[in-house]
Every structure is written in structure tokens, then in C-alpha cells.
Amino acid sequence: MKNKRTISLGNHFEKFIQLKVKSGRYKSPGEVIRSSLRLFERHEKRAHNMDDEDFDPIKFMQEVEEELQLEQELRDRDKHRHF
């Protein structure tokens, strides 16, 4: 289910998003925002887990790499689907 939000990003982030879409790496502004939020979510998880005695940095990095690989596969699949 898609949830729509209206947000004000300011000129800096508007230009940043436009550049990323124009580069072809992302198909839409929404993809840029979702990718950014996933990165922010990982950052927050890492910051929270750094205080956890059971935090395993190697396992965490493996999870990050898996997520990045999945994101790339989804972008590649979407590119092939639209052409």
C-alpha cells in the first residue's frame, strides 16, 4: 500500500534529488527518498547497537551489504522492465 506524504525539503535537497534522478541511478524522486531513509535507518540501528554489548560489527556489515545488493538488483530489474 502506497502512503503519500507532502514534505518540504528545501532547495539543497531538491537539487540533490533531481541530480540523482537525472544521473539515471534512480528512476524517481521517491526512489532517492526511500534509499536515503533506508540508509538513515541503518545508521540509527548502528548507533543504537553500538551501545549493545552483543553488537557484532561483522554481522551488521554483512546485513548492510545484503541490503545494498538487494537494492541494486531491484533497480536493475526495474530498468530492464521499462525498456
N, C-alpha and C. Protein backbone atom coordinates (compact mmCIF):
# COMPACT_ATOMS: atom_id res chain seq x y z
N MET A 1 0.84 -1.18 0.00
CA MET A 1 0.00 0.00 0.00
C MET A 1 0.89 1.25 0.00
N LYS A 2 0.62 2.14 -0.91
CA LYS A 2 1.42 3.36 -1.01
C LYS A 2 0.85 4.43 -0.10
N ASN A 3 1.73 5.01 0.68
CA ASN A 3 1.35 6.16 1.52
C ASN A 3 1.99 7.39 0.91
N LYS A 4 1.19 8.41 0.70
CA LYS A 4 1.73 9.65 0.14
C LYS A 4 1.89 10.68 1.23
N ARG A 5 2.99 11.39 1.17
CA ARG A 5 3.31 12.45 2.12
C ARG A 5 3.73 13.68 1.34
N THR A 6 3.43 14.82 1.88
CA THR A 6 3.93 16.06 1.32
C THR A 6 4.94 16.62 2.31
N ILE A 7 6.16 16.82 1.82
CA ILE A 7 7.22 17.33 2.70
C ILE A 7 7.96 18.47 2.00
N SER A 8 8.53 19.35 2.78
CA SER A 8 9.37 20.42 2.25
C SER A 8 10.82 20.04 2.48
N LEU A 9 11.58 19.98 1.41
CA LEU A 9 12.98 19.55 1.51
C LEU A 9 13.96 20.71 1.46
N GLY A 10 13.55 21.81 0.89
CA GLY A 10 14.46 22.93 0.70
C GLY A 10 15.21 22.77 -0.61
N ASN A 11 15.78 23.85 -1.07
CA ASN A 11 16.46 23.86 -2.37
C ASN A 11 17.62 22.87 -2.45
N HIS A 12 18.41 22.78 -1.41
CA HIS A 12 19.58 21.90 -1.42
C HIS A 12 19.18 20.46 -1.75
N PHE A 13 18.22 19.91 -1.00
CA PHE A 13 17.83 18.52 -1.20
C PHE A 13 17.01 18.33 -2.47
N GLU A 14 16.24 19.33 -2.86
CA GLU A 14 15.51 19.24 -4.13
C GLU A 14 16.50 19.08 -5.29
N LYS A 15 17.54 19.89 -5.28
CA LYS A 15 18.56 19.80 -6.34
C LYS A 15 19.30 18.47 -6.27
N PHE A 16 19.62 18.03 -5.07
CA PHE A 16 20.31 16.76 -4.89
C PHE A 16 19.48 15.62 -5.48
N ILE A 17 18.20 15.60 -5.18
CA ILE A 17 17.32 14.54 -5.68
C ILE A 17 17.23 14.60 -7.20
N GLN A 18 17.07 15.80 -7.74
CA GLN A 18 17.00 15.95 -9.19
C GLN A 18 18.27 15.44 -9.87
N LEU A 19 19.43 15.73 -9.29
CA LEU A 19 20.69 15.26 -9.85
C LEU A 19 20.77 13.74 -9.83
N LYS A 20 20.32 13.12 -8.76
CA LYS A 20 20.38 11.66 -8.66
C LYS A 20 19.46 11.00 -9.68
N VAL A 21 18.27 11.56 -9.87
CA VAL A 21 17.36 11.00 -10.86
C VAL A 21 17.93 11.22 -12.27
N LYS A 22 18.44 12.41 -12.52
CA LYS A 22 18.99 12.75 -13.83
C LYS A 22 20.19 11.86 -14.16
N SER A 23 20.94 11.44 -13.15
CA SER A 23 22.12 10.59 -13.38
C SER A 23 21.73 9.20 -13.89
N GLY A 24 20.46 8.83 -13.69
CA GLY A 24 19.99 7.52 -14.13
C GLY A 24 20.11 6.45 -13.07
N ARG A 25 20.74 6.77 -11.97
CA ARG A 25 20.89 5.77 -10.91
C ARG A 25 19.54 5.46 -10.26
N TYR A 26 18.68 6.46 -10.20
CA TYR A 26 17.36 6.30 -9.62
C TYR A 26 16.31 6.67 -10.66
N LYS A 27 15.19 5.99 -10.61
CA LYS A 27 14.14 6.19 -11.59
C LYS A 27 13.22 7.36 -11.23
N SER A 28 13.11 7.65 -9.93
CA SER A 28 12.17 8.68 -9.49
C SER A 28 12.66 9.33 -8.20
N PRO A 29 12.11 10.50 -7.88
CA PRO A 29 12.45 11.12 -6.59
C PRO A 29 12.11 10.21 -5.41
N GLY A 30 11.03 9.46 -5.54
CA GLY A 30 10.65 8.54 -4.46
C GLY A 30 11.71 7.50 -4.17
N GLU A 31 12.36 7.00 -5.23
CA GLU A 31 13.44 6.02 -5.04
C GLU A 31 14.59 6.63 -4.26
N VAL A 32 14.92 7.88 -4.57
CA VAL A 32 16.00 8.57 -3.86
C VAL A 32 15.65 8.70 -2.39
N ILE A 33 14.43 9.13 -2.12
CA ILE A 33 13.98 9.31 -0.73
C ILE A 33 13.99 7.98 0.02
N ARG A 34 13.44 6.92 -0.60
CA ARG A 34 13.40 5.61 0.08
C ARG A 34 14.80 5.09 0.35
N SER A 35 15.70 5.24 -0.62
CA SER A 35 17.08 4.80 -0.43
C SER A 35 17.73 5.58 0.71
N SER A 36 17.48 6.87 0.74
CA SER A 36 18.03 7.72 1.81
C SER A 36 17.49 7.32 3.17
N LEU A 37 16.21 7.02 3.23
CA LEU A 37 15.62 6.62 4.51
C LEU A 37 16.15 5.27 4.98
N ARG A 38 16.38 4.35 4.02
CA ARG A 38 16.97 3.05 4.41
C ARG A 38 18.36 3.25 4.99
N LEU A 39 19.14 4.12 4.36
CA LEU A 39 20.48 4.41 4.86
C LEU A 39 20.41 5.04 6.25
N PHE A 40 19.49 5.96 6.43
CA PHE A 40 19.31 6.60 7.73
C PHE A 40 18.87 5.58 8.78
N GLU A 41 17.98 4.68 8.38
CA GLU A 41 17.53 3.63 9.30
C GLU A 41 18.71 2.76 9.74
N ARG A 42 19.58 2.37 8.79
CA ARG A 42 20.76 1.57 9.14
C ARG A 42 21.68 2.35 10.07
N HIS A 43 21.85 3.63 9.78
CA HIS A 43 22.69 4.48 10.62
C HIS A 43 22.15 4.51 12.05
N GLU A 44 20.85 4.71 12.18
CA GLU A 44 20.24 4.75 13.51
C GLU A 44 20.36 3.40 14.22
N LYS A 45 20.17 2.32 13.47
CA LYS A 45 20.30 0.98 14.06
C LYS A 45 21.72 0.77 14.56
N ARG A 46 22.67 1.18 13.73
CA ARG A 46 24.07 1.02 14.12
C ARG A 46 24.39 1.86 15.35
N ALA A 47 23.94 3.10 15.37
CA ALA A 47 24.20 3.98 16.52
C ALA A 47 23.60 3.38 17.78
N HIS A 48 22.41 2.81 17.66
CA HIS A 48 21.75 2.20 18.82
C HIS A 48 22.50 0.93 19.25
N ASN A 49 22.91 0.13 18.27
CA ASN A 49 23.56 -1.15 18.57
C ASN A 49 24.98 -0.99 19.09
N MET A 50 25.61 0.14 18.79
CA MET A 50 26.99 0.34 19.26
C MET A 50 27.04 0.30 20.79
N ASP A 51 25.94 0.64 21.43
CA ASP A 51 25.88 0.60 22.89
C ASP A 51 25.56 -0.80 23.40
N ASP A 52 25.15 -1.68 22.51
CA ASP A 52 24.75 -3.03 22.88
C ASP A 52 25.99 -3.92 22.97
N GLU A 53 26.16 -4.60 24.08
CA GLU A 53 27.33 -5.46 24.28
C GLU A 53 27.38 -6.61 23.28
N ASP A 54 26.21 -7.03 22.77
CA ASP A 54 26.14 -8.15 21.83
C ASP A 54 26.27 -7.72 20.38
N PHE A 55 26.56 -6.45 20.13
CA PHE A 55 26.66 -5.95 18.76
C PHE A 55 27.83 -6.61 18.04
N ASP A 56 27.54 -7.17 16.88
CA ASP A 56 28.55 -7.83 16.06
C ASP A 56 28.76 -7.00 14.79
N PRO A 57 29.84 -6.22 14.72
CA PRO A 57 30.03 -5.33 13.57
C PRO A 57 30.16 -6.08 12.25
N ILE A 58 30.72 -7.27 12.25
CA ILE A 58 30.87 -8.04 11.02
C ILE A 58 29.50 -8.48 10.52
N LYS A 59 28.68 -8.98 11.41
CA LYS A 59 27.32 -9.39 11.04
C LYS A 59 26.52 -8.19 10.54
N PHE A 60 26.67 -7.07 11.21
CA PHE A 60 25.97 -5.86 10.81
C PHE A 60 26.37 -5.45 9.39
N MET A 61 27.67 -5.45 9.10
CA MET A 61 28.15 -5.06 7.77
C MET A 61 27.68 -6.05 6.70
N GLN A 62 27.60 -7.32 7.04
CA GLN A 62 27.08 -8.30 6.10
C GLN A 62 25.61 -8.00 5.77
N GLU A 63 24.85 -7.62 6.79
CA GLU A 63 23.45 -7.26 6.57
C GLU A 63 23.34 -6.02 5.69
N VAL A 64 24.19 -5.04 5.93
CA VAL A 64 24.18 -3.82 5.11
C VAL A 64 24.52 -4.17 3.66
N GLU A 65 25.55 -4.98 3.46
CA GLU A 65 25.93 -5.38 2.11
C GLU A 65 24.81 -6.13 1.40
N GLU A 66 24.11 -7.00 2.13
CA GLU A 66 22.99 -7.74 1.54
C GLU A 66 21.87 -6.78 1.14
N GLU A 67 21.58 -5.80 1.98
CA GLU A 67 20.54 -4.83 1.66
C GLU A 67 20.93 -4.00 0.44
N LEU A 68 22.18 -3.58 0.37
CA LEU A 68 22.64 -2.79 -0.78
C LEU A 68 22.57 -3.62 -2.06
N GLN A 69 22.94 -4.88 -1.97
CA GLN A 69 22.89 -5.75 -3.14
C GLN A 69 21.44 -5.93 -3.60
N LEU A 70 20.53 -6.12 -2.66
CA LEU A 70 19.12 -6.26 -2.99
C LEU A 70 18.59 -4.99 -3.65
N GLU A 71 18.95 -3.83 -3.11
CA GLU A 71 18.54 -2.56 -3.71
C GLU A 71 19.02 -2.47 -5.15
N GLN A 72 20.27 -2.83 -5.39
CA GLN A 72 20.83 -2.77 -6.75
C GLN A 72 20.10 -3.73 -7.67
N GLU A 73 19.81 -4.93 -7.19
CA GLU A 73 19.09 -5.90 -8.00
C GLU A 73 17.70 -5.40 -8.36
N LEU A 74 17.03 -4.75 -7.41
CA LEU A 74 15.70 -4.20 -7.69
C LEU A 74 15.76 -3.08 -8.71
N ARG A 75 16.77 -2.21 -8.59
CA ARG A 75 16.93 -1.13 -9.57
C ARG A 75 17.23 -1.71 -10.95
N ASP A 76 18.12 -2.71 -11.01
CA ASP A 76 18.45 -3.33 -12.29
C ASP A 76 17.22 -3.98 -12.91
N ARG A 77 16.45 -4.66 -12.11
CA ARG A 77 15.23 -5.32 -12.60
C ARG A 77 14.24 -4.29 -13.14
N ASP A 78 14.09 -3.18 -12.40
CA ASP A 78 13.17 -2.13 -12.85
C ASP A 78 13.65 -1.49 -14.14
N LYS A 79 14.96 -1.30 -14.30
CA LYS A 79 15.49 -0.71 -15.53
C LYS A 79 15.18 -1.62 -16.72
N HIS A 80 15.36 -2.92 -16.56
CA HIS A 80 15.12 -3.85 -17.66
C HIS A 80 13.64 -3.97 -17.97
N ARG A 81 12.81 -3.80 -16.99
CA ARG A 81 11.37 -3.93 -17.15
C ARG A 81 10.80 -2.79 -17.98
N HIS A 82 11.40 -1.61 -17.88
CA HIS A 82 10.85 -0.42 -18.53
C HIS A 82 11.41 -0.19 -19.93
N PHE A 83 12.33 -1.01 -20.37
CA PHE A 83 12.92 -0.80 -21.69
C PHE A 83 12.55 -1.87 -22.65
